């Protein structure tokens, strides 16, 4: 009897063991249910950057594309064409068309529209061109040749580009559809004999010309990573396929900055946001506070938000200098303990500085510390004290005359003694002096620059115009038009 009870209590094959396994299975099922309910939330990533192309922007882009197309047609390399003309019982005459170039071309304005949920539809009708080239024929031992003019009339095409994204978040074109037609071709020969080169003999050439003028390949063409500078990397993969409506197309991009050396995720994430209506402009950009703060975190996590300040970096007209005599005004014991020595300040941030966007308002919070050392005659550093500081700034920004303008104010500034190797001292006099310096020098210079205005960045040969900036809760929206200037000719 006792052995049976022991079996029931201890054996994994007994009733107790089966019960334990059942409980374990139930726990695992509950865990899986909870996990499955969490997966959609874990995998959902909000964009840090949004870009919207409106119908107005699409029409302008098509006009620029038409100009580019007209230039491209004139430079398309045209291959030689050869074939045979059947002359019945006498055999055939072999011909070659070579050295062909486009002499004239007329490209009408294309029609482009958004195809909702699919991509972009574009069409061109009534394209005409004239080409000039050389012709040669060979029959038995007879060779002949001369020049010719070929007119391709009323060429048209209709293209549907289905836009999507690949597994790496790159924008790509798939399911490409292209319908084309050529109304007529006329060819006129100069010099030598005359042969009946009908349009079917030029089929290969026409197909090649059409493929090179209107043809394209379905491949990813959007870079998803940019190195901004030697320290900062910007990741902009598409998080979802382009959102295409009848009036616009939206790209939702990751928009996250990383340190080149330390690519770690920040301890915060992007929130959801919706861009406002574009109000008749070509492009709308939405930049979240997450994107800006990820850049600050990248600098902070890489240890780049720190600097050593020495007296030779202080303006000569400053009333305060980094030496024990000057600082003795605020710390009486300092020049007594270390007379006539220079002082080095090691300034660094304690946490990631953070920017917050609210309606028509930008706030900036930063907290840091400053360790002071006196520089001994033998260049060794003797620790003196550590000051802890925090500051809160408030900014108003807007765009006027294609320049970023605004103003910055200091809302709050605190200074406390974190630790000291030279004894305690009052920090209020030093705080008041630093506060005056921040207002008189730092803020004065920033506000002078913002009053004059900072030029908006130009991307290669694209210039933003008619730009409007609006600060919203969690993000900044900028609606703008753009002008594209032709690239400078290569020397």
Protein backbone atom coordinates (compact mmCIF):
# COMPACT_ATOMS: atom_id res chain seq x y z
CA UNK A 1 0.00 0.00 0.00
CA UNK A 2 2.76 2.43 0.92
CA UNK A 3 4.57 1.65 -2.28
CA UNK A 4 1.47 2.47 -4.27
CA UNK A 5 1.08 5.83 -2.52
CA UNK A 6 4.75 6.61 -3.15
CA UNK A 7 4.24 5.78 -6.79
CA UNK A 8 1.28 8.16 -7.04
CA UNK A 9 3.19 11.01 -5.37
CA UNK A 10 6.64 10.77 -6.90
CA UNK A 11 6.60 8.98 -10.20
CA UNK A 12 6.38 11.01 -13.42
CA UNK A 13 4.39 8.13 -14.87
CA UNK A 14 1.79 8.09 -12.15
CA UNK A 15 -1.40 10.08 -11.68
CA UNK A 16 0.44 12.99 -10.03
CA UNK A 17 2.93 13.13 -12.90
CA UNK A 18 0.14 13.16 -15.47
CA UNK A 19 -1.59 15.92 -13.57
CA UNK A 20 1.61 17.98 -13.52
CA UNK A 21 2.02 17.53 -17.24
CA UNK A 22 -1.58 18.59 -17.81
CA UNK A 23 -1.04 21.72 -15.73
CA UNK A 24 2.16 22.46 -17.66
CA UNK A 25 0.33 22.07 -20.98
CA UNK A 26 -2.44 24.40 -19.81
CA UNK A 27 0.14 26.99 -18.79
CA UNK A 28 1.86 26.72 -22.15
CA UNK A 29 -1.47 27.13 -23.96
CA UNK A 30 -2.23 30.26 -21.94
CA UNK A 31 1.26 31.59 -22.65
CA UNK A 32 0.81 30.98 -26.40
CA UNK A 33 -2.59 32.67 -26.40
CA UNK A 34 -1.14 35.74 -24.66
CA UNK A 35 1.87 35.74 -27.02
CA UNK A 36 -0.35 35.56 -30.10
CA UNK A 37 -2.42 38.49 -28.87
CA UNK A 38 0.75 40.52 -28.36
CA UNK A 39 2.44 39.74 -31.69
CA UNK A 40 0.51 42.28 -33.81
CA UNK A 41 1.38 45.02 -31.32
CA UNK A 42 5.06 44.02 -31.15
CA UNK A 43 5.43 43.91 -34.93
CA UNK A 44 3.65 47.23 -35.47
CA UNK A 45 6.23 49.98 -35.99
CA UNK A 46 5.09 53.54 -36.45
CA UNK A 47 6.93 55.68 -39.02
CA UNK A 48 9.29 58.38 -37.88
CA UNK A 49 9.03 60.11 -41.25
CA UNK A 50 6.23 60.46 -43.79
CA UNK A 51 6.35 61.88 -47.30
CA UNK A 52 3.27 62.60 -49.41
CA UNK A 53 3.39 63.32 -53.15
CA UNK A 54 0.22 65.09 -54.27
CA UNK A 55 -1.35 65.17 -57.72
CA UNK A 56 0.16 68.62 -58.26
CA UNK A 57 3.58 67.20 -57.50
CA UNK A 58 2.95 64.25 -59.80
CA UNK A 59 2.00 66.55 -62.68
CA UNK A 60 5.14 68.64 -62.18
CA UNK A 61 7.26 65.51 -61.98
CA UNK A 62 5.75 64.30 -65.25
CA UNK A 63 6.59 67.61 -66.92
CA UNK A 64 10.19 67.36 -65.72
CA UNK A 65 10.20 63.76 -66.89
CA UNK A 66 8.99 64.83 -70.32
CA UNK A 67 11.93 67.23 -70.63
CA UNK A 68 14.26 64.46 -69.53
CA UNK A 69 12.65 62.06 -72.02
CA UNK A 70 13.13 64.50 -74.88
CA UNK A 71 16.81 64.80 -73.97
CA UNK A 72 17.17 61.04 -73.55
CA UNK A 73 15.67 60.20 -76.92
CA UNK A 74 18.32 62.32 -78.63
CA UNK A 75 21.08 60.35 -76.93
CA UNK A 76 19.68 56.80 -77.22
CA UNK A 77 22.36 54.60 -78.84
CA UNK A 78 20.70 53.06 -81.89
CA UNK A 79 22.05 49.70 -83.03
CA UNK A 80 22.74 48.79 -86.61
CA UNK A 81 19.94 46.95 -88.39
CA UNK A 82 20.49 44.34 -91.10
CA UNK A 83 18.25 42.00 -93.05
CA UNK A 84 17.47 40.52 -96.43
CA UNK A 85 15.07 41.57 -99.18
CA UNK A 86 13.60 38.66 -101.10
CA UNK A 87 13.69 39.24 -104.89
CA UNK A 88 12.18 35.93 -105.87
CA UNK A 89 14.09 33.57 -108.11
CA UNK A 90 17.07 35.92 -108.14
CA UNK A 91 17.66 35.36 -104.42
CA UNK A 92 17.89 38.17 -101.89
CA UNK A 93 19.64 41.45 -101.30
CA UNK A 94 21.37 41.92 -97.92
CA UNK A 95 21.08 45.41 -96.40
CA UNK A 96 22.58 47.21 -93.39
CA UNK A 97 21.33 50.43 -91.71
CA UNK A 98 24.09 51.98 -89.58
CA UNK A 99 25.26 55.20 -87.91
CA UNK A 100 21.72 56.21 -87.01
CA UNK A 101 20.96 59.23 -84.86
CA UNK A 102 17.87 61.20 -83.87
CA UNK A 103 17.67 64.46 -85.85
CA UNK A 104 14.32 65.76 -84.65
CA UNK A 105 11.91 64.73 -81.91
CA UNK A 106 8.60 66.02 -80.63
CA UNK A 107 7.50 64.75 -77.21
CA UNK A 108 3.98 65.86 -76.21
CA UNK A 109 3.08 66.50 -72.57
CA UNK A 110 2.35 63.14 -70.90
CA UNK A 111 -0.77 62.37 -68.91
CA UNK A 112 -0.21 60.88 -65.46
CA UNK A 113 -2.63 59.83 -62.74
CA UNK A 114 -2.53 57.90 -59.50
CA UNK A 115 -4.07 54.45 -59.81
CA UNK A 116 -5.64 53.93 -56.40
CA UNK A 117 -4.18 51.00 -54.52
CA UNK A 118 -1.86 50.13 -57.41
CA UNK A 119 0.59 52.80 -58.51
CA UNK A 120 0.97 55.38 -61.25
CA UNK A 121 -0.44 55.33 -64.77
CA UNK A 122 1.31 57.38 -67.47
CA UNK A 123 0.66 57.81 -71.16
CA UNK A 124 2.07 59.65 -74.17
CA UNK A 125 0.34 60.01 -77.53
CA UNK A 126 1.52 61.63 -80.75
CA UNK A 127 5.28 61.36 -80.34
CA UNK A 128 7.11 61.94 -83.65
CA UNK A 129 10.80 61.65 -84.50
CA UNK A 130 13.09 61.79 -87.50
CA UNK A 131 16.30 59.79 -87.76
CA UNK A 132 19.23 59.98 -90.15
CA UNK A 133 21.63 57.18 -91.00
CA UNK A 134 23.60 55.27 -93.62
CA UNK A 135 22.49 52.31 -95.73
CA UNK A 136 24.43 49.65 -97.56
CA UNK A 137 23.38 46.73 -99.77
CA UNK A 138 25.16 43.70 -101.04
CA UNK A 139 23.99 41.41 -103.89
CA UNK A 140 26.37 38.87 -105.29
CA UNK A 141 29.42 41.01 -106.14
CA UNK A 142 27.47 44.31 -106.28
CA UNK A 143 27.76 46.75 -103.35
CA UNK A 144 25.74 49.94 -103.05
CA UNK A 145 25.06 52.55 -100.40
CA UNK A 146 24.00 56.03 -99.40
CA UNK A 147 22.06 57.78 -96.63
CA UNK A 148 18.46 57.72 -95.49
CA UNK A 149 15.92 59.63 -93.39
CA UNK A 150 13.42 57.68 -91.29
CA UNK A 151 10.28 59.25 -89.80
CA UNK A 152 8.51 57.46 -86.94
CA UNK A 153 5.07 59.02 -86.65
CA UNK A 154 2.37 59.09 -83.99
CA UNK A 155 4.13 56.85 -81.49
CA UNK A 156 2.23 56.25 -78.26
CA UNK A 157 2.55 54.33 -75.04
CA UNK A 158 0.60 53.63 -71.87
CA UNK A 159 2.44 52.42 -68.77
CA UNK A 160 1.08 51.21 -65.44
CA UNK A 161 3.64 51.10 -62.65
CA UNK A 162 2.61 49.00 -59.67
CA UNK A 163 4.51 50.29 -56.66
CA UNK A 164 5.43 48.21 -53.66
CA UNK A 165 8.28 47.42 -51.31
CA UNK A 166 10.63 44.48 -50.92
CA UNK A 167 11.71 42.66 -47.77
CA UNK A 168 14.38 45.31 -47.13
CA UNK A 169 11.91 48.20 -47.29
CA UNK A 170 13.09 49.43 -50.67
CA UNK A 171 10.59 50.98 -53.07
CA UNK A 172 10.23 48.87 -56.18
CA UNK A 173 8.16 48.50 -59.33
CA UNK A 174 6.43 45.22 -60.06
CA UNK A 175 3.80 43.79 -62.39
CA UNK A 176 4.90 46.26 -65.05
CA UNK A 177 2.41 46.73 -67.89
CA UNK A 178 3.17 48.58 -71.09
CA UNK A 179 0.97 49.03 -74.16
CA UNK A 180 2.45 50.81 -77.17
CA UNK A 181 1.69 51.65 -80.74
CA UNK A 182 3.37 53.22 -83.75
CA UNK A 183 1.11 54.95 -86.24
CA UNK A 184 3.36 54.95 -89.29
CA UNK A 185 6.95 54.88 -90.52
CA UNK A 186 8.32 56.54 -93.61
CA UNK A 187 11.81 56.06 -95.03
CA UNK A 188 13.53 58.00 -97.80
CA UNK A 189 16.85 56.90 -99.34
CA UNK A 190 19.52 59.15 -100.83
CA UNK A 191 22.15 57.95 -103.31
CA UNK A 192 22.61 54.58 -105.02
CA UNK A 193 19.84 52.30 -106.21
CA UNK A 194 16.34 52.11 -104.69
CA UNK A 195 15.04 49.15 -102.75
CA UNK A 196 11.67 48.47 -101.22
CA UNK A 197 12.53 48.43 -97.51
CA UNK A 198 9.03 48.23 -96.09
CA UNK A 199 8.27 48.90 -92.45
CA UNK A 200 8.31 45.22 -91.54
CA UNK A 201 11.99 45.12 -92.44
CA UNK A 202 12.56 47.74 -89.73
CA UNK A 203 10.65 45.83 -87.06
CA UNK A 204 13.69 44.95 -84.98
CA UNK A 205 14.95 48.49 -85.05
CA UNK A 206 11.59 50.01 -84.08
CA UNK A 207 11.19 47.55 -81.21
CA UNK A 208 14.65 48.37 -79.90
CA UNK A 209 14.02 52.10 -80.15
CA UNK A 210 10.71 51.80 -78.33
CA UNK A 211 12.19 49.64 -75.58
CA UNK A 212 15.02 52.10 -74.95
CA UNK A 213 12.81 55.20 -75.01
CA UNK A 214 9.91 53.90 -72.93
CA UNK A 215 11.31 50.72 -71.48
CA UNK A 216 12.24 50.24 -67.85
CA UNK A 217 13.13 47.44 -65.48
CA UNK A 218 11.38 46.36 -62.32
CA UNK A 219 14.01 46.79 -59.61
CA UNK A 220 14.36 48.47 -56.20
CA UNK A 221 15.59 52.02 -56.54
CA UNK A 222 15.22 53.67 -53.15
CA UNK A 223 18.20 53.65 -50.82
CA UNK A 224 17.23 52.67 -47.29
CA UNK A 225 20.35 53.86 -45.47
CA UNK A 226 22.32 57.09 -45.64
CA UNK A 227 25.45 58.09 -43.73
CA UNK A 228 24.70 61.67 -42.71
CA UNK A 229 28.19 62.34 -41.39
CA UNK A 230 31.07 60.41 -39.86
CA UNK A 231 29.04 59.73 -36.72
CA UNK A 232 25.42 59.45 -37.82
CA UNK A 233 23.48 56.97 -39.96
CA UNK A 234 19.89 57.45 -41.15
CA UNK A 235 17.67 54.43 -41.83
CA UNK A 236 14.66 55.13 -44.07
CA UNK A 237 13.20 51.80 -45.24
CA UNK A 238 9.52 51.69 -46.12
CA UNK A 239 7.52 50.16 -43.28
CA UNK A 240 4.59 49.34 -45.58
CA UNK A 241 3.99 49.49 -49.31
CA UNK A 242 3.19 52.97 -50.68
CA UNK A 243 -0.32 54.09 -49.74
CA UNK A 244 -1.80 55.25 -53.03
CA UNK A 245 -5.08 57.14 -53.34
CA UNK A 246 -6.61 58.90 -56.32
CA UNK A 247 -5.19 62.25 -55.22
CA UNK A 248 -1.82 61.42 -53.61
CA UNK A 249 0.76 58.82 -52.60
CA UNK A 250 2.12 58.42 -49.07
CA UNK A 251 5.42 56.84 -48.09
CA UNK A 252 5.75 55.72 -44.47
CA UNK A 253 9.47 55.53 -43.62
CA UNK A 254 11.29 54.34 -40.52
CA UNK A 255 13.18 57.62 -40.21
CA UNK A 256 15.52 56.54 -37.41
CA UNK A 257 19.06 57.73 -36.75
CA UNK A 258 21.80 55.45 -35.47
CA UNK A 259 25.37 55.89 -34.36
CA UNK A 260 27.76 54.59 -36.99
CA UNK A 261 29.71 52.73 -34.27
CA UNK A 262 26.94 51.82 -31.83
CA UNK A 263 23.70 50.89 -33.61
CA UNK A 264 21.46 50.38 -30.59
CA UNK A 265 17.73 51.04 -30.29
CA UNK A 266 16.70 54.02 -28.14
CA UNK A 267 14.56 53.48 -25.02
CA UNK A 268 11.58 55.18 -26.70
CA UNK A 269 9.50 54.56 -29.81
CA UNK A 270 7.60 56.49 -32.45
CA UNK A 271 3.95 57.35 -31.94
CA UNK A 272 1.30 57.31 -34.62
CA UNK A 273 0.40 60.50 -36.46
CA UNK A 274 -1.56 61.68 -39.49
CA UNK A 275 -0.35 64.38 -41.84
CA UNK A 276 -2.66 67.35 -42.51
CA UNK A 277 -4.11 68.02 -45.95
CA UNK A 278 -1.45 69.41 -48.32
CA UNK A 279 -3.42 72.58 -49.22
CA UNK A 280 -2.54 72.64 -52.91
CA UNK A 281 1.22 72.07 -52.62
CA UNK A 282 3.34 69.37 -54.25
CA UNK A 283 4.91 67.64 -51.25
CA UNK A 284 4.21 67.17 -47.57
CA UNK A 285 6.83 66.00 -45.08
CA UNK A 286 6.11 64.82 -41.56
CA UNK A 287 9.05 64.56 -39.12
CA UNK A 288 8.39 63.14 -35.66
CA UNK A 289 10.08 64.01 -32.40
CA UNK A 290 11.11 60.33 -32.36
CA UNK A 291 13.35 60.88 -35.41
CA UNK A 292 15.01 63.94 -33.90
CA UNK A 293 15.46 62.29 -30.52
CA UNK A 294 16.89 59.14 -32.11
CA UNK A 295 19.67 61.33 -33.52
CA UNK A 296 20.33 62.79 -30.07
CA UNK A 297 20.33 59.29 -28.57
CA UNK A 298 22.79 58.12 -31.24
CA UNK A 299 25.21 60.88 -30.27
CA UNK A 300 24.66 60.25 -26.54
CA UNK A 301 25.06 56.45 -26.72
CA UNK A 302 28.29 56.88 -28.70
CA UNK A 303 29.68 59.18 -26.00
CA UNK A 304 29.85 62.16 -28.32
CA UNK A 305 27.88 64.63 -26.19
CA UNK A 306 30.84 65.67 -24.08
CA UNK A 307 33.56 68.25 -24.38
CA UNK A 308 36.59 69.48 -22.46
CA UNK A 309 36.67 73.25 -21.98
CA UNK A 310 39.90 75.12 -21.22
CA UNK A 311 40.58 78.78 -20.61
CA UNK A 312 41.93 79.39 -24.11
CA UNK A 313 38.43 78.61 -25.38
CA UNK A 314 36.89 81.41 -23.32
CA UNK A 315 36.62 84.85 -25.02
CA UNK A 316 39.11 87.33 -23.63
CA UNK A 317 36.33 89.81 -22.86
CA UNK A 318 34.52 87.28 -20.63
CA UNK A 319 34.40 88.38 -16.95
CA UNK A 320 34.94 84.76 -15.88
CA UNK A 321 38.00 82.71 -16.81
CA UNK A 322 38.97 79.13 -16.09
CA UNK A 323 41.60 79.63 -13.42
CA UNK A 324 41.52 79.30 -9.68
CA UNK A 325 41.89 83.05 -9.12
CA UNK A 326 38.86 83.96 -11.26
CA UNK A 327 36.72 81.15 -9.85
CA UNK A 328 37.72 82.23 -6.35
CA UNK A 329 35.00 84.87 -6.62
CA UNK A 330 32.44 82.06 -6.35
CA UNK A 331 34.50 79.48 -4.42
CA UNK A 332 36.64 81.35 -1.83
CA UNK A 333 38.64 78.31 -0.70
CA UNK A 334 39.73 77.35 -4.22
CA UNK A 335 42.58 79.88 -4.78
CA UNK A 336 43.80 79.26 -1.24
CA UNK A 337 44.13 75.53 -1.83
CA UNK A 338 45.40 75.75 -5.43
CA UNK A 339 46.74 79.24 -6.14
CA UNK A 340 47.32 80.49 -9.69
CA UNK A 341 46.40 77.31 -11.55
CA UNK A 342 44.38 76.84 -14.72
CA UNK A 343 41.14 74.87 -14.55
CA UNK A 344 39.73 72.31 -16.99
CA UNK A 345 35.99 71.59 -17.22
CA UNK A 346 34.81 68.21 -18.45
CA UNK A 347 31.20 68.83 -19.57
CA UNK A 348 28.92 65.93 -20.53
CA UNK A 349 25.25 65.01 -20.69
CA UNK A 350 23.89 62.65 -18.04
CA UNK A 351 20.92 61.50 -20.12
CA UNK A 352 19.77 61.79 -23.72
CA UNK A 353 18.65 65.35 -24.48
CA UNK A 354 15.01 65.27 -25.56
CA UNK A 355 12.95 67.42 -27.91
CA UNK A 356 9.18 67.60 -27.63
CA UNK A 357 6.76 68.93 -30.25
CA UNK A 358 3.53 70.51 -29.07
CA UNK A 359 1.07 72.70 -30.96
CA UNK A 360 3.13 75.65 -32.30
CA UNK A 361 5.81 75.00 -29.73
CA UNK A 362 9.12 73.11 -29.45
CA UNK A 363 10.72 72.32 -26.11
CA UNK A 364 14.23 71.06 -25.49
CA UNK A 365 15.35 69.45 -22.23
CA UNK A 366 18.97 68.75 -21.40
CA UNK A 367 20.68 67.62 -18.22
CA UNK A 368 24.41 67.43 -17.76
CA UNK A 369 27.31 67.63 -15.40
CA UNK A 370 30.59 69.48 -15.32
CA UNK A 371 33.63 68.05 -13.57
CA UNK A 372 36.28 70.62 -12.67
CA UNK A 373 39.99 69.83 -12.44
CA UNK A 374 42.93 72.08 -11.72
CA UNK A 375 45.88 71.62 -14.05
CA UNK A 376 49.06 71.09 -12.03
CA UNK A 377 52.44 72.38 -13.29
CA UNK A 378 53.34 68.82 -14.32
CA UNK A 379 50.04 68.66 -16.36
CA UNK A 380 48.37 66.19 -14.01
CA UNK A 381 44.72 66.83 -13.18
CA UNK A 382 43.47 67.23 -9.63
CA UNK A 383 39.69 66.78 -9.19
CA UNK A 384 37.92 69.70 -7.57
CA UNK A 385 34.14 69.35 -7.75
CA UNK A 386 31.20 68.28 -9.92
CA UNK A 387 28.28 70.55 -10.81
CA UNK A 388 24.96 69.08 -12.01
CA UNK A 389 22.93 71.22 -14.39
CA UNK A 390 19.60 71.02 -16.20
CA UNK A 391 17.99 73.42 -18.65
CA UNK A 392 14.66 73.68 -20.44
CA UNK A 393 14.35 75.73 -23.63
CA UNK A 394 11.27 76.81 -25.55
CA UNK A 395 11.27 77.63 -29.28
CA UNK A 396 8.91 79.03 -31.88
CA UNK A 397 9.82 78.16 -35.47
CA UNK A 398 8.29 78.95 -38.86
CA UNK A 399 9.29 79.36 -42.51
CA UNK A 400 9.35 82.76 -44.21
CA UNK A 401 10.91 83.62 -47.57
CA UNK A 402 12.18 80.05 -47.85
CA UNK A 403 14.16 80.39 -44.61
CA UNK A 404 13.70 78.80 -41.22
CA UNK A 405 13.05 81.54 -38.68
CA UNK A 406 11.94 81.80 -35.06
CA UNK A 407 13.11 82.46 -31.53
CA UNK A 408 14.38 80.51 -28.50
CA UNK A 409 13.80 81.29 -24.82
CA UNK A 410 15.16 79.72 -21.63
CA UNK A 411 12.35 78.47 -19.40
CA UNK A 412 14.29 76.98 -16.52
CA UNK A 413 17.88 76.48 -15.39
CA UNK A 414 19.14 74.67 -12.29
CA UNK A 415 22.65 74.25 -10.91
CA UNK A 416 23.52 72.12 -7.90
CA UNK A 417 26.71 70.84 -6.31
CA UNK A 418 26.94 67.12 -7.08
CA UNK A 419 30.18 66.35 -5.24
CA UNK A 420 33.25 68.24 -4.03
CA UNK A 421 36.84 67.46 -3.04
CA UNK A 422 37.40 70.99 -1.74
CA UNK A 423 34.43 71.32 0.61
CA UNK A 424 30.97 72.75 0.12
CA UNK A 425 30.21 76.16 -1.38
CA UNK A 426 27.18 78.15 -2.46
CA UNK A 427 26.24 77.64 -6.12
CA UNK A 428 23.73 80.51 -6.50
CA UNK A 429 26.34 83.18 -7.46
CA UNK A 430 27.84 80.83 -10.07
CA UNK A 431 24.37 79.91 -11.31
CA UNK A 432 23.43 83.56 -11.80
CA UNK A 433 26.63 84.24 -13.75
CA UNK A 434 26.11 81.18 -15.99
CA UNK A 435 22.48 82.16 -16.51
CA UNK A 436 23.54 85.62 -17.63
CA UNK A 437 26.11 84.11 -19.99
CA UNK A 438 23.53 81.75 -21.54
CA UNK A 439 21.17 84.62 -22.22
CA UNK A 440 23.76 87.16 -23.38
CA UNK A 441 25.86 84.89 -25.57
CA UNK A 442 24.26 81.54 -26.39
CA UNK A 443 20.64 82.63 -26.85
CA UNK A 444 21.64 85.96 -28.37
CA UNK A 445 23.63 84.24 -31.13
CA UNK A 446 20.94 81.61 -31.78
CA UNK A 447 18.17 84.20 -32.00
CA UNK A 448 20.25 86.42 -34.26
CA UNK A 449 20.67 83.50 -36.67
CA UNK A 450 16.97 82.62 -36.52
CA UNK A 451 15.97 86.23 -37.06
CA UNK A 452 18.08 86.44 -40.20
CA UNK A 453 16.81 83.01 -41.24
CA UNK A 454 18.49 79.70 -42.06
CA UNK A 455 18.28 78.61 -45.69
CA UNK A 456 16.28 75.47 -46.37
CA UNK A 457 18.47 72.66 -47.68
CA UNK A 458 18.65 72.10 -51.43
CA UNK A 459 18.86 68.48 -52.58
CA UNK A 460 21.19 68.45 -55.59
CA UNK A 461 19.23 70.36 -58.25
CA UNK A 462 15.91 70.40 -56.34
CA UNK A 463 14.93 73.60 -54.53
CA UNK A 464 11.98 73.83 -52.14
CA UNK A 465 9.67 76.85 -52.61
CA UNK A 466 6.41 78.17 -51.14
CA UNK A 467 7.14 76.16 -48.00
CA UNK A 468 4.90 76.23 -44.93
CA UNK A 469 5.91 74.78 -41.53
CA UNK A 470 3.50 73.73 -38.79
CA UNK A 471 4.46 72.30 -35.39
CA UNK A 472 1.92 69.75 -34.18
CA UNK A 473 1.73 67.45 -31.19
CA UNK A 474 4.43 64.84 -31.70
CA UNK A 475 5.55 65.92 -35.18
CA UNK A 476 6.39 68.79 -37.51
CA UNK A 477 4.68 69.03 -40.91
CA UNK A 478 6.10 70.95 -43.85
CA UNK A 479 4.14 71.42 -47.07
CA UNK A 480 6.07 72.72 -50.05
CA UNK A 481 6.41 73.08 -53.78
CA UNK A 482 9.65 72.25 -55.56
CA UNK A 483 11.53 73.39 -58.63
CA UNK A 484 13.97 71.22 -60.52
CA UNK A 485 16.83 72.86 -62.34
CA UNK A 486 18.79 71.01 -65.04
CA UNK A 487 22.05 69.51 -63.80
CA UNK A 488 25.23 71.34 -64.68
CA UNK A 489 26.98 69.91 -67.74
CA UNK A 490 29.94 67.71 -66.98
CA UNK A 491 33.26 69.28 -67.83
